Amino acid sequence: MDEKRQNPRLHTIRLVAYSRFAPDQQIDHLGLGSTLDLSEGGLRMSISRPLEKGEGVELEFALDDAIVRAHAKVVHVEAVTQYVVGLEFDGNLPPRDLEQLRRYVPRKSSPGKAGPGEAP
């Protein structure tokens, strides 16, 4: 399988709040999930209800003391015991949130730097 990722991934568990919108832009579903991995370009998370490939969602999750808010598109869905979805940030991350991701992922993905709830 060819690797398509452009950014390094950090295997980390973070709580994620997400919102899915109906075509009329009203909130269709609010949910919680947990990250499996995270990068500057997106994340993979486990959720209990399915999302469809191509759907847009809004995400909120904490990195250190900051809350990151991002719009993302579902690029992958896998049904296992829960639904595992791959999400790609839409490129419109606020500069503060993008900088937080850039500082967090390389620092935490360095050898020996995994913290509680994070795979080395």
C-alpha atoms as a PDB file:
ATOM      1  CA  MET A   1       0.000   0.000   0.000  1.00  0.00           C
ATOM      2  CA  ASP A   2       1.373   3.424  -0.937  1.00  0.00           C
ATOM      3  CA  GLU A   3       1.782   5.916   1.888  1.00  0.00           C
ATOM      4  CA  LYS A   4      -0.116   9.133   1.066  1.00  0.00           C
ATOM      5  CA  ARG A   5       0.646  11.092   4.227  1.00  0.00           C
ATOM      6  CA  GLN A   6       2.585  14.319   3.894  1.00  0.00           C
ATOM      7  CA  ASN A   7       2.952  14.948   7.633  1.00  0.00           C
ATOM      8  CA  PRO A   8       4.343  12.792  10.460  1.00  0.00           C
ATOM      9  CA  ARG A   9       1.707  11.159  12.683  1.00  0.00           C
ATOM     10  CA  LEU A  10       1.639  11.071  16.444  1.00  0.00           C
ATOM     11  CA  HIS A  11      -0.165   8.113  18.028  1.00  0.00           C
ATOM     12  CA  THR A  12      -2.102   9.823  20.807  1.00  0.00           C
ATOM     13  CA  ILE A  13      -5.430   9.532  22.567  1.00  0.00           C
ATOM     14  CA  ARG A  14      -7.331  12.799  22.857  1.00  0.00           C
ATOM     15  CA  LEU A  15     -11.040  13.429  23.380  1.00  0.00           C
ATOM     16  CA  VAL A  16     -12.610  15.052  20.291  1.00  0.00           C
ATOM     17  CA  ALA A  17     -15.978  16.799  20.097  1.00  0.00           C
ATOM     18  CA  TYR A  18     -17.371  16.844  16.561  1.00  0.00           C
ATOM     19  CA  SER A  19     -20.365  18.347  14.781  1.00  0.00           C
ATOM     20  CA  ARG A  20     -21.880  17.133  11.537  1.00  0.00           C
ATOM     21  CA  PHE A  21     -24.056  19.488   9.529  1.00  0.00           C
ATOM     22  CA  ALA A  22     -27.130  18.839   7.382  1.00  0.00           C
ATOM     23  CA  PRO A  23     -27.334  20.326   3.862  1.00  0.00           C
ATOM     24  CA  ASP A  24     -29.215  23.341   5.294  1.00  0.00           C
ATOM     25  CA  GLN A  25     -26.150  24.020   7.531  1.00  0.00           C
ATOM     26  CA  GLN A  26     -28.047  23.117  10.710  1.00  0.00           C
ATOM     27  CA  ILE A  27     -26.262  20.815  13.140  1.00  0.00           C
ATOM     28  CA  ASP A  28     -27.333  17.274  12.311  1.00  0.00           C
ATOM     29  CA  HIS A  29     -25.307  15.402  14.951  1.00  0.00           C
ATOM     30  CA  LEU A  30     -23.038  16.219  17.876  1.00  0.00           C
ATOM     31  CA  GLY A  31     -20.695  13.490  19.030  1.00  0.00           C
ATOM     32  CA  LEU A  32     -17.584  12.582  20.950  1.00  0.00           C
ATOM     33  CA  GLY A  33     -14.713  10.446  19.773  1.00  0.00           C
ATOM     34  CA  SER A  34     -11.123   9.734  20.655  1.00  0.00           C
ATOM     35  CA  THR A  35      -8.098  10.237  18.462  1.00  0.00           C
ATOM     36  CA  LEU A  36      -5.968   7.310  17.390  1.00  0.00           C
ATOM     37  CA  ASP A  37      -3.369   9.504  15.722  1.00  0.00           C
ATOM     38  CA  LEU A  38      -2.840  13.144  14.878  1.00  0.00           C
ATOM     39  CA  SER A  39      -0.797  15.164  12.395  1.00  0.00           C
ATOM     40  CA  GLU A  40      -0.627  18.682  11.046  1.00  0.00           C
ATOM     41  CA  GLY A  41      -2.844  17.559   8.159  1.00  0.00           C
ATOM     42  CA  GLY A  42      -5.582  15.679   9.993  1.00  0.00           C
ATOM     43  CA  LEU A  43      -6.425  12.962  12.453  1.00  0.00           C
ATOM     44  CA  ARG A  44      -7.872   9.494  12.773  1.00  0.00           C
ATOM     45  CA  MET A  45     -10.497   8.892  15.454  1.00  0.00           C
ATOM     46  CA  SER A  46     -12.815   6.236  16.806  1.00  0.00           C
ATOM     47  CA  ILE A  47     -16.528   7.112  17.080  1.00  0.00           C
ATOM     48  CA  SER A  48     -19.740   5.217  17.839  1.00  0.00           C
ATOM     49  CA  ARG A  49     -21.868   6.498  14.924  1.00  0.00           C
ATOM     50  CA  PRO A  50     -20.882   6.387  11.259  1.00  0.00           C
ATOM     51  CA  LEU A  51     -19.814   9.334   9.138  1.00  0.00           C
ATOM     52  CA  GLU A  52     -19.825   9.209   5.348  1.00  0.00           C
ATOM     53  CA  LYS A  53     -16.724   9.652   3.214  1.00  0.00           C
ATOM     54  CA  GLY A  54     -16.694  13.223   1.882  1.00  0.00           C
ATOM     55  CA  GLU A  55     -18.742  14.681   4.759  1.00  0.00           C
ATOM     56  CA  GLY A  56     -17.527  17.826   6.453  1.00  0.00           C
ATOM     57  CA  VAL A  57     -17.293  18.079  10.230  1.00  0.00           C
ATOM     58  CA  GLU A  58     -16.184  20.612  12.790  1.00  0.00           C
ATOM     59  CA  LEU A  59     -13.770  19.353  15.455  1.00  0.00           C
ATOM     60  CA  GLU A  60     -12.603  20.577  18.850  1.00  0.00           C
ATOM     61  CA  PHE A  61      -9.810  18.934  20.838  1.00  0.00           C
ATOM     62  CA  ALA A  62      -7.223  19.932  23.424  1.00  0.00           C
ATOM     63  CA  LEU A  63      -3.460  20.007  22.937  1.00  0.00           C
ATOM     64  CA  ASP A  64      -1.654  20.867  26.134  1.00  0.00           C
ATOM     65  CA  ASP A  65      -3.484  23.990  27.404  1.00  0.00           C
ATOM     66  CA  ALA A  66      -4.973  25.042  24.048  1.00  0.00           C
ATOM     67  CA  ILE A  67      -8.234  24.091  22.352  1.00  0.00           C
ATOM     68  CA  VAL A  68      -7.849  23.440  18.609  1.00  0.00           C
ATOM     69  CA  ARG A  69     -10.893  24.072  16.412  1.00  0.00           C
ATOM     70  CA  ALA A  70     -10.810  22.716  12.881  1.00  0.00           C
ATOM     71  CA  HIS A  71     -13.008  21.973   9.897  1.00  0.00           C
ATOM     72  CA  ALA A  72     -12.239  18.615   8.321  1.00  0.00           C
ATOM     73  CA  LYS A  73     -13.422  16.262   5.599  1.00  0.00           C
ATOM     74  CA  VAL A  74     -13.934  12.527   6.100  1.00  0.00           C
ATOM     75  CA  VAL A  75     -11.444  10.763   3.822  1.00  0.00           C
ATOM     76  CA  HIS A  76     -11.625   7.228   5.223  1.00  0.00           C
ATOM     77  CA  VAL A  77     -14.189   5.137   7.119  1.00  0.00           C
ATOM     78  CA  GLU A  78     -13.596   1.690   8.596  1.00  0.00           C
ATOM     79  CA  ALA A  79     -16.241  -0.228  10.550  1.00  0.00           C
ATOM     80  CA  VAL A  80     -14.697  -2.280  13.334  1.00  0.00           C
ATOM     81  CA  THR A  81     -16.130  -2.522  16.879  1.00  0.00           C
ATOM     82  CA  GLN A  82     -16.625   1.211  16.474  1.00  0.00           C
ATOM     83  CA  TYR A  83     -16.224   3.390  13.403  1.00  0.00           C
ATOM     84  CA  VAL A  84     -12.702   4.552  12.639  1.00  0.00           C
ATOM     85  CA  VAL A  85     -12.674   7.672  10.487  1.00  0.00           C
ATOM     86  CA  GLY A  86      -9.758   9.472   8.896  1.00  0.00           C
ATOM     87  CA  LEU A  87     -10.225  13.231   8.728  1.00  0.00           C
ATOM     88  CA  GLU A  88      -8.254  15.744   6.721  1.00  0.00           C
ATOM     89  CA  PHE A  89      -8.165  19.341   7.929  1.00  0.00           C
ATOM     90  CA  ASP A  90      -9.527  21.634   5.240  1.00  0.00           C
ATOM     91  CA  GLY A  91      -6.535  23.973   5.194  1.00  0.00           C
ATOM     92  CA  ASN A  92      -8.349  26.817   6.949  1.00  0.00           C
ATOM     93  CA  LEU A  93      -7.031  26.205  10.454  1.00  0.00           C
ATOM     94  CA  PRO A  94      -6.641  29.457  12.356  1.00  0.00           C
ATOM     95  CA  PRO A  95      -2.919  30.325  12.472  1.00  0.00           C
ATOM     96  CA  ARG A  96      -2.824  29.897  16.268  1.00  0.00           C
ATOM     97  CA  ASP A  97      -4.236  26.355  16.008  1.00  0.00           C
ATOM     98  CA  LEU A  98      -1.934  25.389  13.139  1.00  0.00           C
ATOM     99  CA  GLU A  99       1.075  26.603  15.117  1.00  0.00           C
ATOM    100  CA  GLN A 100      -0.109  24.614  18.149  1.00  0.00           C
ATOM    101  CA  LEU A 101      -0.256  21.450  15.997  1.00  0.00           C
ATOM    102  CA  ARG A 102       3.196  22.125  14.533  1.00  0.00           C
ATOM    103  CA  ARG A 103       4.695  22.535  18.001  1.00  0.00           C
ATOM    104  CA  TYR A 104       2.849  19.582  19.532  1.00  0.00           C
ATOM    105  CA  VAL A 105       3.252  16.788  16.978  1.00  0.00           C
ATOM    106  CA  PRO A 106       7.050  16.922  16.386  1.00  0.00           C
ATOM    107  CA  ARG A 107       7.761  17.394  20.095  1.00  0.00           C
ATOM    108  CA  LYS A 108       5.557  14.518  21.216  1.00  0.00           C
ATOM    109  CA  SER A 109       6.582  12.171  18.397  1.00  0.00           C
ATOM    110  CA  SER A 110      10.277  12.349  19.280  1.00  0.00           C
ATOM    111  CA  PRO A 111      11.680   9.077  20.687  1.00  0.00           C
ATOM    112  CA  GLY A 112      11.067   8.764  24.403  1.00  0.00           C
ATOM    113  CA  LYS A 113       8.658  11.701  24.520  1.00  0.00           C
ATOM    114  CA  ALA A 114       5.312   9.872  24.743  1.00  0.00           C
ATOM    115  CA  GLY A 115       3.191  11.059  27.620  1.00  0.00           C
ATOM    116  CA  PRO A 116       0.266   9.495  29.495  1.00  0.00           C
ATOM    117  CA  GLY A 117      -2.254   7.943  27.128  1.00  0.00           C
ATOM    118  CA  GLU A 118       0.182   8.133  24.203  1.00  0.00           C
ATOM    119  CA  ALA A 119       1.896   5.297  22.422  1.00  0.00           C
ATOM    120  CA  PRO A 120       5.681   5.668  22.147  1.00  0.00           C
END
